[in-house]
């Protein structure tokens, strides 16, 4: 079946569709011996598609899993600084998977991985991104700051949706909050709190869509259930 090459790469688990487009633009992908152009279609059963001179992985069953990412791990597949990578923690899952979105190095909690490019693309697309809930430890807390963080603010020229904020406990100038956001912009929760006058001391993602971290031990991973995958695909 003929499809766009970036979609084929995504479906074979080479990279997310967005990353596959970058690889094509960088000249790393060829089709029948010629550099692939963005938007070109091909049939992987007939055409010879190479990435960095290597053939595509054979089709395989899709894998969906969650990791309880510790702090100190980056989520990019390669890091020029040689820092610890979250992908190393799921390397024993039996196949090559890549993270769905990011969780910054100083944050911990639920991080999804898959080799299903279409699934990853749908979750990361701005029109389809699901709500994410974070457990947030802050200092410089005040009731006024709590009200400010509940308001929509502009980040990177974009006005975020009204977040859902729940105060769990507060003691003097320290507090524990649950914050649910939709967009998932770079370090969004930390920046929201900073604009409200608070400093995040610890941040943990505990839910993405209907999937919750639960009691999964730190640094461990598990496969998503069929029900969890179906719910995320909706």
C-alpha atoms as a PDB file:
ATOM      1  CA  UNK A   1       0.000   0.000   0.000  1.00  0.00           C
ATOM      2  CA  UNK A   2       1.335   3.435  -0.949  1.00  0.00           C
ATOM      3  CA  UNK A   3       1.750   5.921   1.916  1.00  0.00           C
ATOM      4  CA  UNK A   4       3.797   8.994   2.693  1.00  0.00           C
ATOM      5  CA  UNK A   5       7.329   8.029   3.617  1.00  0.00           C
ATOM      6  CA  UNK A   6       7.250   9.843   6.964  1.00  0.00           C
ATOM      7  CA  UNK A   7       4.167   7.812   7.882  1.00  0.00           C
ATOM      8  CA  UNK A   8       5.916   4.590   6.892  1.00  0.00           C
ATOM      9  CA  UNK A   9       8.925   5.436   9.073  1.00  0.00           C
ATOM     10  CA  UNK A  10       6.632   6.239  11.960  1.00  0.00           C
ATOM     11  CA  UNK A  11       4.656   3.011  11.556  1.00  0.00           C
ATOM     12  CA  UNK A  12       7.881   0.953  11.500  1.00  0.00           C
ATOM     13  CA  UNK A  13       9.003   2.462  14.793  1.00  0.00           C
ATOM     14  CA  UNK A  14      11.919   4.431  13.342  1.00  0.00           C
ATOM     15  CA  UNK A  15      10.733   7.715  14.857  1.00  0.00           C
ATOM     16  CA  UNK A  16       7.649   9.790  15.489  1.00  0.00           C
ATOM     17  CA  UNK A  17       6.162  11.299  12.329  1.00  0.00           C
ATOM     18  CA  UNK A  18       7.468  14.746  13.243  1.00  0.00           C
ATOM     19  CA  UNK A  19      10.982  13.398  13.774  1.00  0.00           C
ATOM     20  CA  UNK A  20      10.723  11.363  10.552  1.00  0.00           C
ATOM     21  CA  UNK A  21       9.960  14.554   8.645  1.00  0.00           C
ATOM     22  CA  UNK A  22      13.111  16.127  10.115  1.00  0.00           C
ATOM     23  CA  UNK A  23      15.143  13.078   9.032  1.00  0.00           C
ATOM     24  CA  UNK A  24      13.802  13.378   5.475  1.00  0.00           C
ATOM     25  CA  UNK A  25      14.599  17.088   5.326  1.00  0.00           C
ATOM     26  CA  UNK A  26      18.110  16.336   6.603  1.00  0.00           C
ATOM     27  CA  UNK A  27      18.683  13.963   3.678  1.00  0.00           C
ATOM     28  CA  UNK A  28      18.968  10.870   5.850  1.00  0.00           C
ATOM     29  CA  UNK A  29      16.239   8.941   4.006  1.00  0.00           C
ATOM     30  CA  UNK A  30      16.432   7.501   0.496  1.00  0.00           C
ATOM     31  CA  UNK A  31      13.845   5.746  -1.663  1.00  0.00           C
ATOM     32  CA  UNK A  32      15.080   3.517  -4.470  1.00  0.00           C
ATOM     33  CA  UNK A  33      18.503   5.106  -4.254  1.00  0.00           C
ATOM     34  CA  UNK A  34      17.319   8.715  -4.413  1.00  0.00           C
ATOM     35  CA  UNK A  35      16.952  11.211  -1.566  1.00  0.00           C
ATOM     36  CA  UNK A  36      13.366  11.144  -0.331  1.00  0.00           C
ATOM     37  CA  UNK A  37      11.373  14.339  -0.545  1.00  0.00           C
ATOM     38  CA  UNK A  38       8.964  15.398   2.169  1.00  0.00           C
ATOM     39  CA  UNK A  39       5.486  14.259   1.169  1.00  0.00           C
ATOM     40  CA  UNK A  40       6.692  11.607  -1.284  1.00  0.00           C
ATOM     41  CA  UNK A  41       4.726   8.379  -1.234  1.00  0.00           C
ATOM     42  CA  UNK A  42       6.067   4.846  -1.448  1.00  0.00           C
ATOM     43  CA  UNK A  43       5.097   1.223  -0.930  1.00  0.00           C
ATOM     44  CA  UNK A  44       7.462  -0.459   1.559  1.00  0.00           C
ATOM     45  CA  UNK A  45       6.597  -3.840   0.025  1.00  0.00           C
ATOM     46  CA  UNK A  46       7.944  -2.693  -3.368  1.00  0.00           C
ATOM     47  CA  UNK A  47      10.206   0.337  -2.839  1.00  0.00           C
ATOM     48  CA  UNK A  48      13.585   0.228  -1.098  1.00  0.00           C
ATOM     49  CA  UNK A  49      13.548   2.770   1.729  1.00  0.00           C
ATOM     50  CA  UNK A  50      16.761   3.326   3.687  1.00  0.00           C
ATOM     51  CA  UNK A  51      17.487   5.474   6.727  1.00  0.00           C
ATOM     52  CA  UNK A  52      21.153   6.374   7.110  1.00  0.00           C
ATOM     53  CA  UNK A  53      21.834   3.643   4.570  1.00  0.00           C
ATOM     54  CA  UNK A  54      20.054   0.958   6.589  1.00  0.00           C
ATOM     55  CA  UNK A  55      16.771  -0.792   5.716  1.00  0.00           C
ATOM     56  CA  UNK A  56      13.651  -0.250   7.780  1.00  0.00           C
ATOM     57  CA  UNK A  57      12.825  -2.616  10.630  1.00  0.00           C
ATOM     58  CA  UNK A  58      10.396  -5.351   9.746  1.00  0.00           C
ATOM     59  CA  UNK A  59       6.778  -4.790  10.801  1.00  0.00           C
ATOM     60  CA  UNK A  60       6.128  -5.965  14.338  1.00  0.00           C
ATOM     61  CA  UNK A  61       3.420  -5.880  16.913  1.00  0.00           C
ATOM     62  CA  UNK A  62       2.862  -2.554  18.592  1.00  0.00           C
ATOM     63  CA  UNK A  63       4.067  -2.072  22.147  1.00  0.00           C
ATOM     64  CA  UNK A  64       2.611   0.412  24.625  1.00  0.00           C
ATOM     65  CA  UNK A  65       4.123   0.907  28.043  1.00  0.00           C
ATOM     66  CA  UNK A  66       4.529   3.387  30.863  1.00  0.00           C
ATOM     67  CA  UNK A  67       7.655   4.185  32.840  1.00  0.00           C
ATOM     68  CA  UNK A  68       7.915   5.763  36.272  1.00  0.00           C
ATOM     69  CA  UNK A  69      10.732   8.099  35.263  1.00  0.00           C
ATOM     70  CA  UNK A  70      13.106   9.203  37.999  1.00  0.00           C
ATOM     71  CA  UNK A  71      14.604  12.654  38.151  1.00  0.00           C
ATOM     72  CA  UNK A  72      17.956  13.054  36.422  1.00  0.00           C
ATOM     73  CA  UNK A  73      16.991  11.288  33.177  1.00  0.00           C
ATOM     74  CA  UNK A  74      16.435  13.095  29.857  1.00  0.00           C
ATOM     75  CA  UNK A  75      13.753  11.862  27.454  1.00  0.00           C
ATOM     76  CA  UNK A  76      15.481  12.492  24.127  1.00  0.00           C
ATOM     77  CA  UNK A  77      16.667   9.325  22.365  1.00  0.00           C
ATOM     78  CA  UNK A  78      20.191  10.707  22.105  1.00  0.00           C
ATOM     79  CA  UNK A  79      21.929  13.334  24.202  1.00  0.00           C
ATOM     80  CA  UNK A  80      25.089  15.109  23.142  1.00  0.00           C
ATOM     81  CA  UNK A  81      26.013  15.702  26.803  1.00  0.00           C
ATOM     82  CA  UNK A  82      25.997  12.007  27.626  1.00  0.00           C
ATOM     83  CA  UNK A  83      23.333  12.314  30.323  1.00  0.00           C
ATOM     84  CA  UNK A  84      21.258   9.367  31.508  1.00  0.00           C
ATOM     85  CA  UNK A  85      18.397   8.609  29.143  1.00  0.00           C
ATOM     86  CA  UNK A  86      14.928   7.386  30.110  1.00  0.00           C
ATOM     87  CA  UNK A  87      14.985   5.018  27.119  1.00  0.00           C
ATOM     88  CA  UNK A  88      17.716   3.058  28.888  1.00  0.00           C
ATOM     89  CA  UNK A  89      15.197   2.143  31.576  1.00  0.00           C
ATOM     90  CA  UNK A  90      12.873   0.422  29.073  1.00  0.00           C
ATOM     91  CA  UNK A  91      15.596  -1.165  26.924  1.00  0.00           C
ATOM     92  CA  UNK A  92      14.633  -4.624  28.192  1.00  0.00           C
ATOM     93  CA  UNK A  93      11.060  -4.421  26.851  1.00  0.00           C
ATOM     94  CA  UNK A  94      12.002  -6.549  23.819  1.00  0.00           C
ATOM     95  CA  UNK A  95      11.738  -3.959  21.057  1.00  0.00           C
ATOM     96  CA  UNK A  96      12.777  -0.413  20.212  1.00  0.00           C
ATOM     97  CA  UNK A  97      10.330   2.118  21.608  1.00  0.00           C
ATOM     98  CA  UNK A  98      10.463   5.875  21.928  1.00  0.00           C
ATOM     99  CA  UNK A  99       8.887   8.330  24.373  1.00  0.00           C
ATOM    100  CA  UNK A 100       5.524   9.944  23.717  1.00  0.00           C
ATOM    101  CA  UNK A 101       6.240  13.594  24.451  1.00  0.00           C
ATOM    102  CA  UNK A 102       8.714  14.697  27.072  1.00  0.00           C
ATOM    103  CA  UNK A 103       9.196  14.958  30.796  1.00  0.00           C
ATOM    104  CA  UNK A 104      12.058  17.280  31.649  1.00  0.00           C
ATOM    105  CA  UNK A 105      15.178  16.030  33.387  1.00  0.00           C
ATOM    106  CA  UNK A 106      14.250  17.539  36.762  1.00  0.00           C
ATOM    107  CA  UNK A 107      10.765  16.002  36.731  1.00  0.00           C
ATOM    108  CA  UNK A 108       9.584  12.480  37.496  1.00  0.00           C
ATOM    109  CA  UNK A 109       6.538  10.329  36.987  1.00  0.00           C
ATOM    110  CA  UNK A 110       4.471   8.827  34.209  1.00  0.00           C
ATOM    111  CA  UNK A 111       6.119   8.689  30.775  1.00  0.00           C
ATOM    112  CA  UNK A 112       4.583   6.713  27.917  1.00  0.00           C
ATOM    113  CA  UNK A 113       6.636   4.764  25.367  1.00  0.00           C
ATOM    114  CA  UNK A 114       5.554   3.051  22.142  1.00  0.00           C
ATOM    115  CA  UNK A 115       6.649   1.906  18.692  1.00  0.00           C
ATOM    116  CA  UNK A 116       3.248   2.913  17.240  1.00  0.00           C
ATOM    117  CA  UNK A 117       3.988   6.159  15.432  1.00  0.00           C
ATOM    118  CA  UNK A 118       0.370   6.981  14.643  1.00  0.00           C
ATOM    119  CA  UNK A 119      -0.587   6.541  18.285  1.00  0.00           C
ATOM    120  CA  UNK A 120       2.270   8.763  19.459  1.00  0.00           C
ATOM    121  CA  UNK A 121       1.510  11.419  16.870  1.00  0.00           C
ATOM    122  CA  UNK A 122      -2.155  11.592  17.840  1.00  0.00           C
ATOM    123  CA  UNK A 123      -1.311  12.054  21.530  1.00  0.00           C
ATOM    124  CA  UNK A 124       1.279  14.756  20.852  1.00  0.00           C
ATOM    125  CA  UNK A 125      -0.669  16.707  18.239  1.00  0.00           C
ATOM    126  CA  UNK A 126      -1.873  20.066  19.633  1.00  0.00           C
ATOM    127  CA  UNK A 127      -5.447  19.298  18.592  1.00  0.00           C
ATOM    128  CA  UNK A 128      -5.486  15.956  20.374  1.00  0.00           C
ATOM    129  CA  UNK A 129      -3.228  16.287  23.395  1.00  0.00           C
ATOM    130  CA  UNK A 130      -4.873  14.774  26.432  1.00  0.00           C
ATOM    131  CA  UNK A 131      -5.047  16.321  29.884  1.00  0.00           C
ATOM    132  CA  UNK A 132      -2.075  15.644  32.143  1.00  0.00           C
ATOM    133  CA  UNK A 133      -2.077  15.897  35.937  1.00  0.00           C
ATOM    134  CA  UNK A 134       1.002  16.758  37.973  1.00  0.00           C
ATOM    135  CA  UNK A 135       1.658  16.476  41.704  1.00  0.00           C
ATOM    136  CA  UNK A 136       3.521  19.697  42.478  1.00  0.00           C
ATOM    137  CA  UNK A 137       5.530  20.663  45.572  1.00  0.00           C
ATOM    138  CA  UNK A 138       6.021  24.454  45.836  1.00  0.00           C
ATOM    139  CA  UNK A 139       7.519  27.064  48.123  1.00  0.00           C
ATOM    140  CA  UNK A 140       6.639  30.777  48.478  1.00  0.00           C
ATOM    141  CA  UNK A 141       3.004  29.667  48.607  1.00  0.00           C
ATOM    142  CA  UNK A 142       0.247  32.133  49.513  1.00  0.00           C
ATOM    143  CA  UNK A 143      -3.537  32.026  49.014  1.00  0.00           C
ATOM    144  CA  UNK A 144      -3.095  34.828  46.487  1.00  0.00           C
ATOM    145  CA  UNK A 145      -0.537  32.797  44.543  1.00  0.00           C
ATOM    146  CA  UNK A 146      -2.969  29.880  44.496  1.00  0.00           C
ATOM    147  CA  UNK A 147      -5.612  32.059  42.868  1.00  0.00           C
ATOM    148  CA  UNK A 148      -3.107  33.422  40.336  1.00  0.00           C
ATOM    149  CA  UNK A 149      -1.970  29.973  39.185  1.00  0.00           C
ATOM    150  CA  UNK A 150      -5.590  29.058  38.408  1.00  0.00           C
ATOM    151  CA  UNK A 151      -5.800  31.773  35.762  1.00  0.00           C
ATOM    152  CA  UNK A 152      -4.946  31.329  32.074  1.00  0.00           C
ATOM    153  CA  UNK A 153      -1.613  32.942  31.154  1.00  0.00           C
ATOM    154  CA  UNK A 154       0.295  33.497  27.953  1.00  0.00           C
ATOM    155  CA  UNK A 155       3.259  31.208  27.277  1.00  0.00           C
ATOM    156  CA  UNK A 156       5.280  31.410  24.062  1.00  0.00           C
ATOM    157  CA  UNK A 157       2.649  33.686  22.542  1.00  0.00           C
ATOM    158  CA  UNK A 158      -0.159  31.223  23.319  1.00  0.00           C
ATOM    159  CA  UNK A 159      -2.831  31.634  25.980  1.00  0.00           C
ATOM    160  CA  UNK A 160      -3.202  28.341  27.804  1.00  0.00           C
ATOM    161  CA  UNK A 161      -6.545  26.895  28.783  1.00  0.00           C
ATOM    162  CA  UNK A 162      -7.744  27.390  32.341  1.00  0.00           C
ATOM    163  CA  UNK A 163      -5.863  24.781  34.422  1.00  0.00           C
ATOM    164  CA  UNK A 164      -7.491  22.693  37.121  1.00  0.00           C
ATOM    165  CA  UNK A 165      -5.706  23.312  40.428  1.00  0.00           C
ATOM    166  CA  UNK A 166      -6.394  21.477  43.689  1.00  0.00           C
ATOM    167  CA  UNK A 167      -4.723  22.335  46.984  1.00  0.00           C
ATOM    168  CA  UNK A 168      -3.862  19.125  48.812  1.00  0.00           C
ATOM    169  CA  UNK A 169      -2.087  20.601  51.801  1.00  0.00           C
ATOM    170  CA  UNK A 170      -0.271  23.768  52.877  1.00  0.00           C
ATOM    171  CA  UNK A 171       2.042  24.546  55.776  1.00  0.00           C
ATOM    172  CA  UNK A 172       3.498  28.026  56.171  1.00  0.00           C
ATOM    173  CA  UNK A 173       4.954  28.923  52.752  1.00  0.00           C
ATOM    174  CA  UNK A 174       5.072  25.322  51.460  1.00  0.00           C
ATOM    175  CA  UNK A 175       2.227  23.583  49.661  1.00  0.00           C
ATOM    176  CA  UNK A 176       1.320  20.469  47.700  1.00  0.00           C
ATOM    177  CA  UNK A 177      -0.884  20.929  44.635  1.00  0.00           C
ATOM    178  CA  UNK A 178      -2.416  18.830  41.882  1.00  0.00           C
ATOM    179  CA  UNK A 179      -2.371  20.757  38.599  1.00  0.00           C
ATOM    180  CA  UNK A 180      -4.070  19.485  35.444  1.00  0.00           C
ATOM    181  CA  UNK A 181      -3.119  21.075  32.128  1.00  0.00           C
ATOM    182  CA  UNK A 182      -3.996  20.426  28.500  1.00  0.00           C
ATOM    183  CA  UNK A 183      -1.209  21.811  26.347  1.00  0.00           C
ATOM    184  CA  UNK A 184       2.009  20.337  27.710  1.00  0.00           C
ATOM    185  CA  UNK A 185       4.258  23.218  26.641  1.00  0.00           C
ATOM    186  CA  UNK A 186       7.912  23.230  27.619  1.00  0.00           C
ATOM    187  CA  UNK A 187       8.202  23.301  31.447  1.00  0.00           C
ATOM    188  CA  UNK A 188       4.654  24.633  31.504  1.00  0.00           C
ATOM    189  CA  UNK A 189       3.737  23.876  35.123  1.00  0.00           C
ATOM    190  CA  UNK A 190       7.008  25.300  36.443  1.00  0.00           C
ATOM    191  CA  UNK A 191       6.526  28.477  34.408  1.00  0.00           C
ATOM    192  CA  UNK A 192       2.890  28.833  35.500  1.00  0.00           C
ATOM    193  CA  UNK A 193       3.905  28.590  39.142  1.00  0.00           C
ATOM    194  CA  UNK A 194       6.760  31.060  38.655  1.00  0.00           C
ATOM    195  CA  UNK A 195       4.376  33.606  37.129  1.00  0.00           C
ATOM    196  CA  UNK A 196       2.169  33.160  40.196  1.00  0.00           C
ATOM    197  CA  UNK A 197       5.142  33.850  42.494  1.00  0.00           C
ATOM    198  CA  UNK A 198       5.837  30.246  43.553  1.00  0.00           C
ATOM    199  CA  UNK A 199       8.882  28.022  43.021  1.00  0.00           C
ATOM    200  CA  UNK A 200       8.459  24.336  42.171  1.00  0.00           C
ATOM    201  CA  UNK A 201      10.730  22.159  44.285  1.00  0.00           C
ATOM    202  CA  UNK A 202       9.469  18.823  42.988  1.00  0.00           C
ATOM    203  CA  UNK A 203       7.186  17.836  40.114  1.00  0.00           C
ATOM    204  CA  UNK A 204       5.676  14.438  39.366  1.00  0.00           C
ATOM    205  CA  UNK A 205       3.311  13.523  36.514  1.00  0.00           C
ATOM    206  CA  UNK A 206       0.666  11.205  37.938  1.00  0.00           C
ATOM    207  CA  UNK A 207      -1.901  10.971  35.127  1.00  0.00           C
ATOM    208  CA  UNK A 208      -2.143  11.254  31.339  1.00  0.00           C
ATOM    209  CA  UNK A 209      -5.662  11.043  29.998  1.00  0.00           C
ATOM    210  CA  UNK A 210      -7.305   8.178  31.856  1.00  0.00           C
ATOM    211  CA  UNK A 211      -3.997   6.403  32.552  1.00  0.00           C
ATOM    212  CA  UNK A 212      -2.659   6.844  36.085  1.00  0.00           C
ATOM    213  CA  UNK A 213       0.810   6.148  37.457  1.00  0.00           C
ATOM    214  CA  UNK A 214      -0.554   4.375  40.498  1.00  0.00           C
ATOM    215  CA  UNK A 215       1.915   2.383  42.601  1.00  0.00           C
ATOM    216  CA  UNK A 216       4.396   1.597  39.809  1.00  0.00           C
ATOM    217  CA  UNK A 217       7.831   1.694  41.507  1.00  0.00           C
ATOM    218  CA  UNK A 218      10.289   4.438  40.629  1.00  0.00           C
ATOM    219  CA  UNK A 219      12.457   3.479  37.649  1.00  0.00           C
ATOM    220  CA  UNK A 220      10.215   0.557  36.642  1.00  0.00           C
ATOM    221  CA  UNK A 221       7.935   0.097  33.628  1.00  0.00           C
ATOM    222  CA  UNK A 222       4.895  -1.957  32.710  1.00  0.00           C
ATOM    223  CA  UNK A 223       2.826  -2.615  29.610  1.00  0.00           C
ATOM    224  CA  UNK A 224      -0.406  -0.660  29.265  1.00  0.00           C
ATOM    225  CA  UNK A 225      -3.529  -2.748  29.435  1.00  0.00           C
ATOM    226  CA  UNK A 226      -5.735  -3.111  26.358  1.00  0.00           C
ATOM    227  CA  UNK A 227      -8.340  -0.925  28.091  1.00  0.00           C
ATOM    228  CA  UNK A 228      -5.769   1.825  28.743  1.00  0.00           C
ATOM    229  CA  UNK A 229      -4.636   1.809  25.107  1.00  0.00           C
ATOM    230  CA  UNK A 230      -8.221   1.974  23.846  1.00  0.00           C
ATOM    231  CA  UNK A 231      -8.993   4.888  26.158  1.00  0.00           C
ATOM    232  CA  UNK A 232      -5.947   6.864  24.973  1.00  0.00           C
ATOM    233  CA  UNK A 233      -6.771   6.210  21.327  1.00  0.00           C
ATOM    234  CA  UNK A 234     -10.217   7.733  21.848  1.00  0.00           C
END
